[in-house]
Amino acid sequence: MSNTVVPLPIGRGLLYLAVAGATWSTTGAAVDLVCRSSDLGPVAVSFWRFVSGLFVLLVGRAVWPSRSANRAHVAVQPRRRRLFLRVGTGLGLAVFQTAYFGAVATTGLAVGTIVTLGAGPVLTAVGARLMLGERLGQGIVAVAVALGGLTVLVLGNRGGTVRPPGVVLALLSASGYALATLLARWIGRAGGGEDPSVTTAWAFGIGAAALLPLAAAGGLMPHTTDLGRVLVLLAYVAVVPTALAYPLYFAGAAVVRAGTTSAIMLIEPVGAAVLAVTLLGEQLSAATLIGTLLLLSAVVCLVMAEVRLAGDAGS
C-alpha cells in the first residue's frame, strides 16, 4: 500500500486559491471598520485574528475531523522540517497581516492592498526561481500585465493618498506573504505534507505568541461605544478570511507553482478596491476599471498556463 498523500488536483488547487483570494479581499475593509469603531491598533487586531481563527479551527476539527487525519498511510515529514515549516509560516503570516493592517491604516485600503499584492508576485517569483528553481516561462508576460494593472490602479487613485511609511509597511507585508507562499510550495514539492488545517493552526498559534508582547503593550481590549459591531466584525474575520481561507490557501499553494499562486491572489486587490469605493467611501478614478481588467486577464492567463502544464505533466 502507498505511503504517500494523494496530491490535490491542480484544478481544485486553483479553485481553492481563488476562493481564498476572494475572501481575503474583504479583510482589509472589515479591519478598517474595526479600527474606526474602536481604539484597537493593527497589532492587536492581528493578534485577535490569530487567536480567534485558531479557536475556530480547533472547534472545526473537533466537530468535523479531517479526512487526512484518518489515513493510516500518510507520509510524515521529518521533525525538523515540520518545525521549520510551522515557525517560518507563523512568523511570515504575522509579518504579512500585521504590516498589511498598518499599511491600510497609514495609506488607505486601496493603496495598501494594491502595493502589498503588487509586490507579492514579484518577490515570490524571484524567491521561487532562487529557492525552488521554478521558471515562469510564458507566465512572465502575465505577471508583467498584472503589474501594469496594479500601476494603473495606483496612479489612477487620485482620491487616495500614497504615503511612504504606508508603502514601506506594504512592502514588508509582501515579504511575509512571499515567505509563507514559498514555504507552502517547498513542502508540497518535498512530499509528505501535513493536513493544511494543521499547518494553519500551528502557524496561527506561533503568530499569536510572537505578537502577544507587542499587542499587550498597545492595548488588547477594545474601548468602544459600539462593542457589538466590533465583535461581529472580528468574528467574521476569524471565520471567513481566516479559519476558512487559510487552509484553502495552503492546500492550493502546495500544488500550484509559487509564482502562479501569488498572481492568482491578485483577485484580492480587485475586491478590496471595489469595497474601498462602495463601503469605505474612498475615491478611485475611472482608471480603476482598466487596472482591474488587466489584473483579471493576467489571472486568467496564468490559470490557463498552469492547467496546460499540469496536462503536459500528466500525459
Protein backbone atom coordinates (compact mmCIF):
# COMPACT_ATOMS: atom_id res chain seq x y z
CA MET A 1 0.00 0.00 0.00
CA SER A 2 1.15 3.52 -0.80
CA ASN A 3 2.78 5.56 1.92
CA THR A 4 2.25 8.97 0.33
CA VAL A 5 -0.52 11.55 0.30
CA VAL A 6 -2.60 11.65 -2.87
CA PRO A 7 -1.82 15.09 -4.35
CA LEU A 8 -4.60 17.62 -4.77
CA PRO A 9 -5.66 18.06 -8.43
CA ILE A 10 -4.32 21.28 -9.98
CA GLY A 11 -7.82 22.44 -10.92
CA ARG A 12 -9.05 22.13 -7.36
CA GLY A 13 -5.93 23.85 -6.07
CA LEU A 14 -6.59 26.80 -8.39
CA LEU A 15 -10.20 26.96 -7.17
CA TYR A 16 -9.08 26.93 -3.54
CA LEU A 17 -6.69 29.81 -4.20
CA ALA A 18 -9.40 31.83 -5.97
CA VAL A 19 -11.82 31.37 -3.07
CA ALA A 20 -9.12 32.32 -0.56
CA GLY A 21 -8.26 35.46 -2.54
CA ALA A 22 -11.91 36.49 -2.80
CA THR A 23 -12.44 36.17 0.95
CA TRP A 24 -9.16 37.91 1.75
CA SER A 25 -10.32 40.92 -0.27
CA THR A 26 -12.87 41.62 2.49
CA THR A 27 -10.35 41.51 5.35
CA GLY A 28 -8.93 45.00 4.95
CA ALA A 29 -12.37 46.61 4.89
CA ALA A 30 -13.54 44.67 7.96
CA VAL A 31 -10.37 45.52 9.91
CA ASP A 32 -10.56 49.16 8.86
CA LEU A 33 -14.11 49.31 10.23
CA VAL A 34 -12.89 47.71 13.49
CA CYS A 35 -10.16 50.34 13.84
CA ARG A 36 -12.63 53.13 13.08
CA SER A 37 -15.11 51.79 15.65
CA SER A 38 -12.61 51.19 18.47
CA ASP A 39 -9.13 52.02 19.69
CA LEU A 40 -7.63 48.69 18.64
CA GLY A 41 -4.42 49.03 16.60
CA PRO A 42 -3.14 46.84 13.73
CA VAL A 43 -1.04 44.60 16.03
CA ALA A 44 -3.92 43.96 18.44
CA VAL A 45 -6.33 43.21 15.60
CA SER A 46 -3.80 40.84 14.04
CA PHE A 47 -3.30 39.09 17.41
CA TRP A 48 -7.04 38.59 17.91
CA ARG A 49 -7.37 37.35 14.35
CA PHE A 50 -4.81 34.64 15.02
CA VAL A 51 -6.32 33.65 18.38
CA SER A 52 -9.93 33.60 17.21
CA GLY A 53 -9.01 31.88 13.95
CA LEU A 54 -7.13 29.19 15.89
CA PHE A 55 -10.16 28.68 18.15
CA VAL A 56 -12.49 28.27 15.17
CA LEU A 57 -10.09 25.82 13.51
CA LEU A 58 -9.78 23.68 16.66
CA VAL A 59 -13.56 23.59 17.12
CA GLY A 60 -13.99 22.71 13.46
CA ARG A 61 -11.51 19.84 13.66
CA ALA A 62 -13.23 18.52 16.80
CA VAL A 63 -16.67 18.59 15.16
CA TRP A 64 -15.61 17.57 11.64
CA PRO A 65 -12.39 15.52 11.80
CA SER A 66 -10.21 15.89 8.73
CA ARG A 67 -10.25 13.01 6.30
CA SER A 68 -6.47 13.03 6.13
CA ALA A 69 -6.33 12.63 9.89
CA ASN A 70 -7.96 9.22 9.48
CA ARG A 71 -5.47 7.98 6.88
CA ALA A 72 -3.02 5.38 8.11
CA HIS A 73 -0.73 5.77 5.13
CA VAL A 74 0.18 9.46 5.26
CA ALA A 75 3.89 10.10 5.00
CA VAL A 76 5.22 12.03 7.97
CA GLN A 77 7.62 14.90 7.47
CA PRO A 78 10.91 14.88 9.37
CA ARG A 79 10.52 16.65 12.70
CA ARG A 80 12.93 19.46 11.84
CA ARG A 81 11.15 20.13 8.55
CA ARG A 82 7.78 20.30 10.30
CA LEU A 83 9.17 22.68 12.91
CA PHE A 84 10.78 24.88 10.25
CA LEU A 85 7.55 24.98 8.25
CA ARG A 86 5.37 25.85 11.22
CA VAL A 87 7.65 28.51 12.71
CA GLY A 88 8.50 30.06 9.35
CA THR A 89 4.87 30.13 8.25
CA GLY A 90 3.71 31.55 11.58
CA LEU A 91 6.25 34.36 11.53
CA GLY A 92 5.63 35.01 7.83
CA LEU A 93 1.88 35.34 8.39
CA ALA A 94 2.43 37.55 11.45
CA VAL A 95 4.53 39.96 9.38
CA PHE A 96 2.18 39.69 6.40
CA GLN A 97 -1.08 40.61 8.07
CA THR A 98 0.22 42.96 10.79
CA ALA A 99 2.22 45.07 8.34
CA TYR A 100 -0.73 44.97 5.95
CA PHE A 101 -3.15 46.28 8.57
CA GLY A 102 -0.61 49.01 9.38
CA ALA A 103 -0.33 49.90 5.70
CA VAL A 104 -4.11 50.15 5.37
CA ALA A 105 -4.28 52.40 8.45
CA THR A 106 -1.48 54.61 7.10
CA THR A 107 -2.14 54.95 3.39
CA GLY A 108 -5.67 53.60 2.88
CA LEU A 109 -7.24 50.28 1.93
CA ALA A 110 -6.88 50.59 -1.84
CA VAL A 111 -3.23 51.70 -1.95
CA GLY A 112 -2.14 49.43 0.92
CA THR A 113 -3.69 46.36 -0.68
CA ILE A 114 -2.56 47.17 -4.20
CA VAL A 115 1.09 47.71 -3.20
CA THR A 116 1.16 44.61 -0.99
CA LEU A 117 -0.33 42.32 -3.61
CA GLY A 118 1.62 44.02 -6.39
CA ALA A 119 4.96 43.38 -4.76
CA GLY A 120 3.93 39.89 -3.66
CA PRO A 121 4.10 38.22 -7.10
CA VAL A 122 7.47 39.79 -7.85
CA LEU A 123 9.07 38.72 -4.56
CA THR A 124 7.51 35.28 -4.82
CA ALA A 125 8.63 34.77 -8.41
CA VAL A 126 12.20 35.78 -7.55
CA GLY A 127 12.18 33.56 -4.48
CA ALA A 128 10.75 30.62 -6.43
CA ARG A 129 13.47 31.00 -9.05
CA LEU A 130 16.28 31.19 -6.47
CA MET A 131 14.97 28.69 -3.89
CA LEU A 132 12.87 26.24 -5.91
CA GLY A 133 14.26 26.52 -9.42
CA GLU A 134 10.80 27.32 -10.83
CA ARG A 135 10.57 29.18 -14.12
CA LEU A 136 7.71 31.44 -15.09
CA GLY A 137 8.15 30.76 -18.80
CA GLN A 138 5.32 32.42 -20.71
CA GLY A 139 3.76 33.36 -17.38
CA ILE A 140 6.22 36.24 -17.10
CA VAL A 141 4.08 38.10 -19.63
CA ALA A 142 1.02 37.64 -17.44
CA VAL A 143 2.93 38.88 -14.39
CA ALA A 144 4.05 41.95 -16.38
CA VAL A 145 0.42 42.60 -17.36
CA ALA A 146 -0.63 42.23 -13.73
CA LEU A 147 2.00 44.71 -12.56
CA GLY A 148 0.83 47.08 -15.28
CA GLY A 149 -2.70 46.79 -13.96
CA LEU A 150 -1.52 47.49 -10.42
CA THR A 151 0.41 50.53 -11.64
CA VAL A 152 -2.70 51.88 -13.33
CA LEU A 153 -4.68 51.36 -10.14
CA VAL A 154 -2.12 53.22 -8.02
CA LEU A 155 -1.54 56.10 -10.44
CA GLY A 156 -5.24 56.38 -11.15
CA ASN A 157 -6.11 56.60 -7.48
CA ARG A 158 -6.12 60.38 -7.36
CA GLY A 159 -8.55 60.45 -4.48
CA GLY A 160 -6.27 58.31 -2.35
CA THR A 161 -3.04 59.29 -0.66
CA VAL A 162 0.17 57.37 -1.27
CA ARG A 163 2.15 57.80 1.96
CA PRO A 164 5.75 56.45 2.00
CA PRO A 165 5.51 54.87 5.50
CA GLY A 166 2.40 53.00 4.36
CA VAL A 167 4.17 51.83 1.21
CA VAL A 168 7.11 50.55 3.30
CA LEU A 169 4.71 48.61 5.51
CA ALA A 170 3.00 47.19 2.42
CA LEU A 171 6.36 46.01 1.04
CA LEU A 172 7.18 44.41 4.40
CA SER A 173 3.79 42.69 4.30
CA ALA A 174 4.53 41.41 0.80
CA SER A 175 7.80 39.90 2.08
CA GLY A 176 5.97 37.96 4.78
CA TYR A 177 3.41 36.77 2.24
CA ALA A 178 6.13 35.60 -0.15
CA LEU A 179 7.83 33.67 2.65
CA ALA A 180 4.62 31.82 3.58
CA THR A 181 3.88 31.04 -0.08
CA LEU A 182 7.37 29.71 -0.79
CA LEU A 183 7.36 27.54 2.34
CA ALA A 184 3.99 26.02 1.41
CA ARG A 185 5.19 25.26 -2.12
CA TRP A 186 8.53 23.87 -0.87
CA ILE A 187 6.82 21.43 1.47
CA GLY A 188 4.34 20.46 -1.24
CA ARG A 189 7.15 19.64 -3.65
CA ALA A 190 9.13 17.77 -0.99
CA GLY A 191 6.17 15.47 -0.34
CA GLY A 192 4.72 14.21 2.91
CA GLY A 193 2.87 17.44 3.62
CA GLU A 194 0.59 17.52 6.65
CA ASP A 195 -3.07 18.49 6.66
CA PRO A 196 -3.44 22.19 5.68
CA SER A 197 -5.65 22.88 8.70
CA VAL A 198 -2.91 21.53 10.99
CA THR A 199 -0.30 23.74 9.32
CA THR A 200 -2.65 26.70 9.65
CA ALA A 201 -3.42 26.03 13.32
CA TRP A 202 0.27 25.83 14.23
CA ALA A 203 1.01 28.98 12.21
CA PHE A 204 -1.77 30.87 14.00
CA GLY A 205 -0.55 29.74 17.41
CA ILE A 206 3.05 30.72 16.68
CA GLY A 207 1.98 34.02 15.13
CA ALA A 208 -0.19 34.87 18.14
CA ALA A 209 2.66 34.09 20.55
CA ALA A 210 5.02 36.31 18.55
CA LEU A 211 2.54 39.21 18.51
CA LEU A 212 1.34 38.97 22.13
CA PRO A 213 4.03 41.21 23.72
CA LEU A 214 3.54 43.96 21.14
CA ALA A 215 -0.24 43.68 21.26
CA ALA A 216 -0.29 43.80 25.06
CA ALA A 217 1.91 46.91 25.06
CA GLY A 218 -0.50 48.71 22.74
CA GLY A 219 -3.69 47.51 24.42
CA LEU A 220 -5.52 44.25 23.82
CA MET A 221 -9.07 45.11 24.81
CA PRO A 222 -11.22 47.35 22.61
CA HIS A 223 -12.69 50.50 24.12
CA THR A 224 -15.74 51.49 22.13
CA THR A 225 -19.35 52.55 22.38
CA ASP A 226 -20.26 50.06 19.66
CA LEU A 227 -18.87 46.82 21.10
CA GLY A 228 -21.45 44.64 19.36
CA ARG A 229 -20.41 45.85 15.93
CA VAL A 230 -16.71 45.35 16.70
CA LEU A 231 -17.29 41.81 17.96
CA VAL A 232 -19.36 40.89 14.89
CA LEU A 233 -16.63 42.19 12.57
CA LEU A 234 -13.90 40.34 14.50
CA ALA A 235 -15.97 37.15 14.40
CA TYR A 236 -16.37 37.49 10.63
CA VAL A 237 -12.62 37.99 10.19
CA ALA A 238 -11.93 34.94 12.37
CA VAL A 239 -14.27 32.61 10.49
CA VAL A 240 -14.33 33.54 6.79
CA PRO A 241 -11.00 35.11 5.67
CA THR A 242 -9.02 33.27 8.37
CA ALA A 243 -10.22 29.82 9.51
CA LEU A 244 -11.82 29.09 6.12
CA ALA A 245 -9.45 30.84 3.72
CA TYR A 246 -6.01 29.95 5.07
CA PRO A 247 -6.38 26.14 4.92
CA LEU A 248 -7.69 26.53 1.35
CA TYR A 249 -4.73 28.75 0.53
CA PHE A 250 -2.12 26.35 1.93
CA ALA A 251 -3.76 23.38 0.19
CA GLY A 252 -3.71 25.19 -3.15
CA ALA A 253 -0.23 26.67 -2.71
CA ALA A 254 1.20 23.19 -2.13
CA VAL A 255 0.32 22.02 -5.66
CA VAL A 256 0.35 25.23 -7.75
CA ARG A 257 3.60 26.93 -8.77
CA ALA A 258 4.60 29.71 -6.37
CA GLY A 259 4.58 32.47 -9.00
CA THR A 260 1.14 31.44 -10.24
CA THR A 261 -0.18 31.21 -6.69
CA SER A 262 0.92 34.74 -5.92
CA ALA A 263 -0.52 36.10 -9.16
CA ILE A 264 -3.90 34.41 -8.66
CA MET A 265 -4.16 36.13 -5.31
CA LEU A 266 -4.31 39.41 -7.25
CA ILE A 267 -8.04 38.74 -7.05
CA GLU A 268 -7.72 40.29 -3.61
CA PRO A 269 -6.80 43.87 -4.60
CA VAL A 270 -9.61 43.91 -7.16
CA GLY A 271 -12.16 43.07 -4.49
CA ALA A 272 -10.51 45.41 -1.99
CA ALA A 273 -10.64 48.30 -4.46
CA VAL A 274 -14.34 47.72 -5.01
CA LEU A 275 -15.01 47.62 -1.26
CA ALA A 276 -12.89 50.73 -0.72
CA VAL A 277 -15.23 52.65 -3.02
CA THR A 278 -18.58 51.12 -2.10
CA LEU A 279 -18.14 50.58 1.65
CA LEU A 280 -15.46 52.95 2.91
CA GLY A 281 -16.06 55.91 0.60
CA GLU A 282 -12.54 56.04 -0.85
CA GLN A 283 -12.40 57.85 -4.18
CA LEU A 284 -10.98 55.99 -7.19
CA SER A 285 -10.76 57.29 -10.74
CA ALA A 286 -12.04 55.63 -13.91
CA ALA A 287 -8.56 54.09 -14.33
CA THR A 288 -9.65 51.53 -11.75
CA LEU A 289 -11.66 49.75 -14.44
CA ILE A 290 -8.64 49.45 -16.74
CA GLY A 291 -6.38 48.23 -13.96
CA THR A 292 -8.97 45.72 -12.79
CA LEU A 293 -9.43 44.29 -16.29
CA LEU A 294 -5.66 43.94 -16.70
CA LEU A 295 -5.38 42.14 -13.37
CA LEU A 296 -8.19 39.74 -14.16
CA SER A 297 -6.82 39.00 -17.64
CA ALA A 298 -3.42 38.19 -16.10
CA VAL A 299 -5.05 35.82 -13.61
CA VAL A 300 -6.95 34.05 -16.41
CA CYS A 301 -3.75 33.66 -18.47
CA LEU A 302 -1.84 32.20 -15.53
CA VAL A 303 -4.63 29.78 -14.67
CA MET A 304 -4.72 28.54 -18.28
CA ALA A 305 -0.93 28.17 -18.30
CA GLU A 306 -0.98 26.20 -15.03
CA VAL A 307 -3.70 23.85 -16.30
CA ARG A 308 -1.76 23.35 -19.54
CA LEU A 309 1.42 22.48 -17.63
CA ALA A 310 -0.49 20.04 -15.44
CA GLY A 311 -1.91 18.39 -18.56
CA ASP A 312 1.53 18.09 -20.15
CA ALA A 313 2.95 16.58 -16.97
CA GLY A 314 0.17 14.02 -16.78
CA SER A 315 0.38 12.98 -20.44
